[in-house]
PDB file of all heavy atoms in Angstrom:
ATOM      1  N   VAL A   1      17.458  27.840 -62.118  1.00  0.00           N
ATOM      2  CA  VAL A   1      18.120  26.533 -62.141  1.00  0.00           C
ATOM      3  C   VAL A   1      19.614  26.747 -61.922  1.00  0.00           C
ATOM      4  O   VAL A   1      20.228  27.601 -62.572  1.00  0.00           O
ATOM      5  CB  VAL A   1      17.905  25.801 -63.475  1.00  0.00           C
ATOM      6  CG1 VAL A   1      18.609  24.446 -63.457  1.00  0.00           C
ATOM      7  CG2 VAL A   1      16.423  25.629 -63.774  1.00  0.00           C
ATOM      8  N   GLY A   2      20.186  26.001 -61.006  1.00  0.00           N
ATOM      9  CA  GLY A   2      21.622  26.045 -60.771  1.00  0.00           C
ATOM     10  C   GLY A   2      22.201  24.653 -60.762  1.00  0.00           C
ATOM     11  O   GLY A   2      21.491  23.664 -60.520  1.00  0.00           O
ATOM     12  N   ARG A   3      23.499  24.559 -61.052  1.00  0.00           N
ATOM     13  CA  ARG A   3      24.160  23.255 -61.066  1.00  0.00           C
ATOM     14  C   ARG A   3      25.404  23.307 -60.201  1.00  0.00           C
ATOM     15  O   ARG A   3      26.134  24.300 -60.206  1.00  0.00           O
ATOM     16  CB  ARG A   3      24.542  22.869 -62.501  1.00  0.00           C
ATOM     17  CG  ARG A   3      25.078  21.438 -62.631  1.00  0.00           C
ATOM     18  CD  ARG A   3      25.569  21.135 -64.031  1.00  0.00           C
ATOM     19  NE  ARG A   3      26.928  21.623 -64.255  1.00  0.00           N
ATOM     20  CZ  ARG A   3      27.704  21.242 -65.262  1.00  0.00           C
ATOM     21  NH1 ARG A   3      27.243  20.394 -66.173  1.00  0.00           N
ATOM     22  NH2 ARG A   3      28.912  21.746 -65.410  1.00  0.00           N
ATOM     23  N   GLU A   4      25.636  22.219 -59.460  1.00  0.00           N
ATOM     24  CA  GLU A   4      26.853  22.129 -58.669  1.00  0.00           C
ATOM     25  C   GLU A   4      27.415  20.722 -58.761  1.00  0.00           C
ATOM     26  O   GLU A   4      26.678  19.758 -59.031  1.00  0.00           O
ATOM     27  CB  GLU A   4      26.597  22.497 -57.205  1.00  0.00           C
ATOM     28  CG  GLU A   4      25.589  21.621 -56.485  1.00  0.00           C
ATOM     29  CD  GLU A   4      25.279  22.109 -55.089  1.00  0.00           C
ATOM     30  OE1 GLU A   4      24.830  23.280 -54.955  1.00  0.00           O
ATOM     31  OE2 GLU A   4      25.457  21.326 -54.129  1.00  0.00           O
ATOM     32  N   GLU A   5      28.725  20.600 -58.585  1.00  0.00           N
ATOM     33  CA  GLU A   5      29.355  19.282 -58.598  1.00  0.00           C
ATOM     34  C   GLU A   5      28.935  18.509 -57.350  1.00  0.00           C
ATOM     35  O   GLU A   5      28.848  19.061 -56.257  1.00  0.00           O
ATOM     36  CB  GLU A   5      30.871  19.430 -58.656  1.00  0.00           C
ATOM     37  CG  GLU A   5      31.362  20.045 -59.952  1.00  0.00           C
ATOM     38  CD  GLU A   5      32.883  20.171 -59.992  1.00  0.00           C
ATOM     39  OE1 GLU A   5      33.530  19.859 -58.956  1.00  0.00           O
ATOM     40  OE2 GLU A   5      33.413  20.580 -61.032  1.00  0.00           O
ATOM     41  N   PHE A   6      28.680  17.208 -57.547  1.00  0.00           N
ATOM     42  CA  PHE A   6      28.176  16.386 -56.446  1.00  0.00           C
ATOM     43  C   PHE A   6      29.087  15.198 -56.159  1.00  0.00           C
ATOM     44  O   PHE A   6      28.926  14.534 -55.142  1.00  0.00           O
ATOM     45  CB  PHE A   6      26.756  15.912 -56.783  1.00  0.00           C
ATOM     46  CG  PHE A   6      25.968  15.400 -55.614  1.00  0.00           C
ATOM     47  CD1 PHE A   6      25.974  16.051 -54.388  1.00  0.00           C
ATOM     48  CD2 PHE A   6      25.195  14.248 -55.735  1.00  0.00           C
ATOM     49  CE1 PHE A   6      25.236  15.578 -53.308  1.00  0.00           C
ATOM     50  CE2 PHE A   6      24.441  13.770 -54.664  1.00  0.00           C
ATOM     51  CZ  PHE A   6      24.468  14.433 -53.450  1.00  0.00           C
ATOM     52  N   GLY A   7      30.039  14.914 -57.061  1.00  0.00           N
ATOM     53  CA  GLY A   7      30.952  13.795 -56.856  1.00  0.00           C
ATOM     54  C   GLY A   7      31.230  13.056 -58.141  1.00  0.00           C
ATOM     55  O   GLY A   7      30.987  13.565 -59.243  1.00  0.00           O
ATOM     56  N   VAL A   8      31.727  11.824 -58.006  1.00  0.00           N
ATOM     57  CA  VAL A   8      32.079  10.991 -59.154  1.00  0.00           C
ATOM     58  C   VAL A   8      31.532   9.589 -58.923  1.00  0.00           C
ATOM     59  O   VAL A   8      31.626   9.047 -57.820  1.00  0.00           O
ATOM     60  CB  VAL A   8      33.606  10.929 -59.352  1.00  0.00           C
ATOM     61  CG1 VAL A   8      33.973   9.979 -60.490  1.00  0.00           C
ATOM     62  CG2 VAL A   8      34.173  12.323 -59.623  1.00  0.00           C
ATOM     63  N   ALA A   9      30.961   9.001 -59.978  1.00  0.00           N
ATOM     64  CA  ALA A   9      30.462   7.622 -59.921  1.00  0.00           C
ATOM     65  C   ALA A   9      30.855   6.909 -61.200  1.00  0.00           C
ATOM     66  O   ALA A   9      30.579   7.397 -62.299  1.00  0.00           O
ATOM     67  CB  ALA A   9      28.943   7.604 -59.760  1.00  0.00           C
ATOM     68  N   ALA A  10      31.508   5.762 -61.064  1.00  0.00           N
ATOM     69  CA  ALA A  10      31.960   4.983 -62.226  1.00  0.00           C
ATOM     70  C   ALA A  10      32.756   5.862 -63.185  1.00  0.00           C
ATOM     71  O   ALA A  10      32.580   5.811 -64.399  1.00  0.00           O
ATOM     72  CB  ALA A  10      30.773   4.340 -62.933  1.00  0.00           C
ATOM     73  N   HIS A  11      33.641   6.670 -62.628  1.00  0.00           N
ATOM     74  CA  HIS A  11      34.535   7.563 -63.381  1.00  0.00           C
ATOM     75  C   HIS A  11      33.793   8.671 -64.120  1.00  0.00           C
ATOM     76  O   HIS A  11      34.371   9.345 -64.967  1.00  0.00           O
ATOM     77  CB  HIS A  11      35.390   6.766 -64.382  1.00  0.00           C
ATOM     78  CG  HIS A  11      36.132   5.622 -63.767  1.00  0.00           C
ATOM     79  ND1 HIS A  11      37.181   5.795 -62.874  1.00  0.00           N
ATOM     80  CD2 HIS A  11      35.967   4.283 -63.890  1.00  0.00           C
ATOM     81  CE1 HIS A  11      37.637   4.623 -62.491  1.00  0.00           C
ATOM     82  NE2 HIS A  11      36.911   3.680 -63.087  1.00  0.00           N
ATOM     83  N   ASN A  12      32.518   8.856 -63.808  1.00  0.00           N
ATOM     84  CA  ASN A  12      31.731   9.917 -64.435  1.00  0.00           C
ATOM     85  C   ASN A  12      31.384  10.988 -63.402  1.00  0.00           C
ATOM     86  O   ASN A  12      31.012  10.657 -62.267  1.00  0.00           O
ATOM     87  CB  ASN A  12      30.430   9.358 -65.017  1.00  0.00           C
ATOM     88  CG  ASN A  12      30.672   8.413 -66.172  1.00  0.00           C
ATOM     89  OD1 ASN A  12      31.324   8.755 -67.141  1.00  0.00           O
ATOM     90  ND2 ASN A  12      30.147   7.195 -66.065  1.00  0.00           N
ATOM     91  N   PRO A  13      31.492  12.266 -63.786  1.00  0.00           N
ATOM     92  CA  PRO A  13      31.092  13.316 -62.849  1.00  0.00           C
ATOM     93  C   PRO A  13      29.588  13.262 -62.593  1.00  0.00           C
ATOM     94  O   PRO A  13      28.803  12.953 -63.490  1.00  0.00           O
ATOM     95  CB  PRO A  13      31.484  14.617 -63.570  1.00  0.00           C
ATOM     96  CG  PRO A  13      31.522  14.248 -65.016  1.00  0.00           C
ATOM     97  CD  PRO A  13      31.957  12.814 -65.078  1.00  0.00           C
ATOM     98  N   VAL A  14      29.207  13.529 -61.366  1.00  0.00           N
ATOM     99  CA  VAL A  14      27.798  13.571 -60.971  1.00  0.00           C
ATOM    100  C   VAL A  14      27.463  14.993 -60.541  1.00  0.00           C
ATOM    101  O   VAL A  14      28.232  15.624 -59.804  1.00  0.00           O
ATOM    102  CB  VAL A  14      27.504  12.577 -59.826  1.00  0.00           C
ATOM    103  CG1 VAL A  14      26.059  12.700 -59.351  1.00  0.00           C
ATOM    104  CG2 VAL A  14      27.791  11.152 -60.286  1.00  0.00           C
ATOM    105  N   TYR A  15      26.329  15.491 -61.011  1.00  0.00           N
ATOM    106  CA  TYR A  15      25.938  16.876 -60.727  1.00  0.00           C
ATOM    107  C   TYR A  15      24.616  16.913 -59.973  1.00  0.00           C
ATOM    108  O   TYR A  15      23.795  15.988 -60.053  1.00  0.00           O
ATOM    109  CB  TYR A  15      25.813  17.666 -62.029  1.00  0.00           C
ATOM    110  CG  TYR A  15      27.115  17.792 -62.771  1.00  0.00           C
ATOM    111  CD1 TYR A  15      27.393  16.965 -63.871  1.00  0.00           C
ATOM    112  CD2 TYR A  15      28.082  18.716 -62.387  1.00  0.00           C
ATOM    113  CE1 TYR A  15      28.590  17.060 -64.545  1.00  0.00           C
ATOM    114  CE2 TYR A  15      29.287  18.817 -63.069  1.00  0.00           C
ATOM    115  CZ  TYR A  15      29.533  17.993 -64.150  1.00  0.00           C
ATOM    116  OH  TYR A  15      30.724  18.085 -64.818  1.00  0.00           O
ATOM    117  N   LEU A  16      24.445  18.005 -59.251  1.00  0.00           N
ATOM    118  CA  LEU A  16      23.211  18.277 -58.536  1.00  0.00           C
ATOM    119  C   LEU A  16      22.593  19.529 -59.141  1.00  0.00           C
ATOM    120  O   LEU A  16      23.248  20.575 -59.251  1.00  0.00           O
ATOM    121  CB  LEU A  16      23.506  18.500 -57.052  1.00  0.00           C
ATOM    122  CG  LEU A  16      22.366  18.369 -56.054  1.00  0.00           C
ATOM    123  CD1 LEU A  16      21.827  16.944 -56.040  1.00  0.00           C
ATOM    124  CD2 LEU A  16      22.837  18.764 -54.655  1.00  0.00           C
ATOM    125  N   TYR A  17      21.330  19.398 -59.573  1.00  0.00           N
ATOM    126  CA  TYR A  17      20.610  20.525 -60.172  1.00  0.00           C
ATOM    127  C   TYR A  17      19.571  21.046 -59.171  1.00  0.00           C
ATOM    128  O   TYR A  17      18.731  20.285 -58.695  1.00  0.00           O
ATOM    129  CB  TYR A  17      19.930  20.102 -61.474  1.00  0.00           C
ATOM    130  CG  TYR A  17      20.891  19.954 -62.624  1.00  0.00           C
ATOM    131  CD1 TYR A  17      21.652  18.803 -62.763  1.00  0.00           C
ATOM    132  CD2 TYR A  17      21.055  20.969 -63.561  1.00  0.00           C
ATOM    133  CE1 TYR A  17      22.560  18.658 -63.813  1.00  0.00           C
ATOM    134  CE2 TYR A  17      21.954  20.836 -64.620  1.00  0.00           C
ATOM    135  CZ  TYR A  17      22.693  19.680 -64.725  1.00  0.00           C
ATOM    136  OH  TYR A  17      23.589  19.549 -65.767  1.00  0.00           O
ATOM    137  N   TRP A  18      19.655  22.326 -58.884  1.00  0.00           N
ATOM    138  CA  TRP A  18      18.711  22.973 -57.981  1.00  0.00           C
ATOM    139  C   TRP A  18      17.696  23.774 -58.780  1.00  0.00           C
ATOM    140  O   TRP A  18      18.061  24.600 -59.618  1.00  0.00           O
ATOM    141  CB  TRP A  18      19.435  23.915 -57.025  1.00  0.00           C
ATOM    142  CG  TRP A  18      20.091  23.249 -55.860  1.00  0.00           C
ATOM    143  CD1 TRP A  18      21.391  22.840 -55.761  1.00  0.00           C
ATOM    144  CD2 TRP A  18      19.482  22.928 -54.599  1.00  0.00           C
ATOM    145  NE1 TRP A  18      21.633  22.271 -54.536  1.00  0.00           N
ATOM    146  CE2 TRP A  18      20.476  22.322 -53.793  1.00  0.00           C
ATOM    147  CE3 TRP A  18      18.194  23.087 -54.079  1.00  0.00           C
ATOM    148  CZ2 TRP A  18      20.225  21.879 -52.497  1.00  0.00           C
ATOM    149  CZ3 TRP A  18      17.940  22.649 -52.787  1.00  0.00           C
ATOM    150  CH2 TRP A  18      18.945  22.056 -52.003  1.00  0.00           C
ATOM    151  N   LEU A  19      16.419  23.534 -58.540  1.00  0.00           N
ATOM    152  CA  LEU A  19      15.343  24.336 -59.110  1.00  0.00           C
ATOM    153  C   LEU A  19      14.686  25.090 -57.957  1.00  0.00           C
ATOM    154  O   LEU A  19      14.194  24.466 -57.005  1.00  0.00           O
ATOM    155  CB  LEU A  19      14.317  23.472 -59.841  1.00  0.00           C
ATOM    156  CG  LEU A  19      14.842  22.677 -61.048  1.00  0.00           C
ATOM    157  CD1 LEU A  19      15.182  21.253 -60.631  1.00  0.00           C
ATOM    158  CD2 LEU A  19      13.822  22.657 -62.175  1.00  0.00           C
ATOM    159  N   ARG A  20      14.668  26.418 -58.048  1.00  0.00           N
ATOM    160  CA  ARG A  20      14.199  27.238 -56.929  1.00  0.00           C
ATOM    161  C   ARG A  20      13.083  28.161 -57.395  1.00  0.00           C
ATOM    162  O   ARG A  20      13.253  28.941 -58.337  1.00  0.00           O
ATOM    163  CB  ARG A  20      15.348  28.064 -56.352  1.00  0.00           C
ATOM    164  CG  ARG A  20      16.532  27.231 -55.850  1.00  0.00           C
ATOM    165  CD  ARG A  20      17.643  28.136 -55.328  1.00  0.00           C
ATOM    166  NE  ARG A  20      18.863  27.401 -55.041  1.00  0.00           N
ATOM    167  CZ  ARG A  20      19.143  26.826 -53.862  1.00  0.00           C
ATOM    168  NH1 ARG A  20      18.254  26.919 -52.883  1.00  0.00           N
ATOM    169  NH2 ARG A  20      20.275  26.167 -53.677  1.00  0.00           N
ATOM    170  N   SER A  21      11.954  28.047 -56.704  1.00  0.00           N
ATOM    171  CA  SER A  21      10.815  28.910 -56.986  1.00  0.00           C
ATOM    172  C   SER A  21      10.895  30.177 -56.133  1.00  0.00           C
ATOM    173  O   SER A  21      11.305  30.115 -54.967  1.00  0.00           O
ATOM    174  CB  SER A  21       9.508  28.175 -56.681  1.00  0.00           C
ATOM    175  OG  SER A  21       8.422  29.076 -56.622  1.00  0.00           O
ATOM    176  N   PRO A  22      10.493  31.325 -56.679  1.00  0.00           N
ATOM    177  CA  PRO A  22      10.466  32.550 -55.864  1.00  0.00           C
ATOM    178  C   PRO A  22       9.470  32.464 -54.711  1.00  0.00           C
ATOM    179  O   PRO A  22       9.550  33.247 -53.764  1.00  0.00           O
ATOM    180  CB  PRO A  22      10.068  33.634 -56.872  1.00  0.00           C
ATOM    181  CG  PRO A  22       9.386  32.906 -57.970  1.00  0.00           C
ATOM    182  CD  PRO A  22      10.068  31.582 -58.061  1.00  0.00           C
ATOM    183  N   ALA A  23       8.557  31.488 -54.786  1.00  0.00           N
ATOM    184  CA  ALA A  23       7.580  31.307 -53.710  1.00  0.00           C
ATOM    185  C   ALA A  23       8.112  30.426 -52.578  1.00  0.00           C
ATOM    186  O   ALA A  23       7.410  30.192 -51.598  1.00  0.00           O
ATOM    187  CB  ALA A  23       6.289  30.715 -54.268  1.00  0.00           C
ATOM    188  N   GLY A  24       9.352  29.913 -52.719  1.00  0.00           N
ATOM    189  CA  GLY A  24       9.993  29.229 -51.602  1.00  0.00           C
ATOM    190  C   GLY A  24      10.356  27.780 -51.788  1.00  0.00           C
ATOM    191  O   GLY A  24      11.151  27.234 -51.024  1.00  0.00           O
ATOM    192  N   LEU A  25       9.794  27.093 -52.800  1.00  0.00           N
ATOM    193  CA  LEU A  25      10.124  25.681 -53.009  1.00  0.00           C
ATOM    194  C   LEU A  25      11.502  25.556 -53.654  1.00  0.00           C
ATOM    195  O   LEU A  25      11.805  26.239 -54.633  1.00  0.00           O
ATOM    196  CB  LEU A  25       9.080  25.020 -53.913  1.00  0.00           C
ATOM    197  CG  LEU A  25       9.322  23.546 -54.279  1.00  0.00           C
ATOM    198  CD1 LEU A  25       9.249  22.663 -53.041  1.00  0.00           C
ATOM    199  CD2 LEU A  25       8.318  23.071 -55.328  1.00  0.00           C
ATOM    200  N   ALA A  26      12.330  24.657 -53.112  1.00  0.00           N
ATOM    201  CA  ALA A  26      13.646  24.372 -53.687  1.00  0.00           C
ATOM    202  C   ALA A  26      13.804  22.862 -53.795  1.00  0.00           C
ATOM    203  O   ALA A  26      13.621  22.137 -52.814  1.00  0.00           O
ATOM    204  CB  ALA A  26      14.758  24.966 -52.835  1.00  0.00           C
ATOM    205  N   VAL A  27      14.147  22.395 -54.990  1.00  0.00           N
ATOM    206  CA  VAL A  27      14.268  20.961 -55.262  1.00  0.00           C
ATOM    207  C   VAL A  27      15.644  20.700 -55.859  1.00  0.00           C
ATOM    208  O   VAL A  27      16.066  21.395 -56.791  1.00  0.00           O
ATOM    209  CB  VAL A  27      13.176  20.485 -56.233  1.00  0.00           C
ATOM    210  CG1 VAL A  27      13.353  19.002 -56.547  1.00  0.00           C
ATOM    211  CG2 VAL A  27      11.786  20.744 -55.648  1.00  0.00           C
ATOM    212  N   ALA A  28      16.344  19.700 -55.325  1.00  0.00           N
ATOM    213  CA  ALA A  28      17.648  19.302 -55.846  1.00  0.00           C
ATOM    214  C   ALA A  28      17.560  17.897 -56.410  1.00  0.00           C
ATOM    215  O   ALA A  28      17.106  16.974 -55.718  1.00  0.00           O
ATOM    216  CB  ALA A  28      18.711  19.368 -54.758  1.00  0.00           C
TER     217      ALA A  28
END
C-alpha cells in the first residue's frame, strides 16, 4: 500500500492510495 498527494478539495488535502499485488493488479 502506498499513498501520494492528489490535490485539495474544500481546503482539505486529498490522497491517492495504491494497492499493488505481486501478481500484477494495481488499484488506486
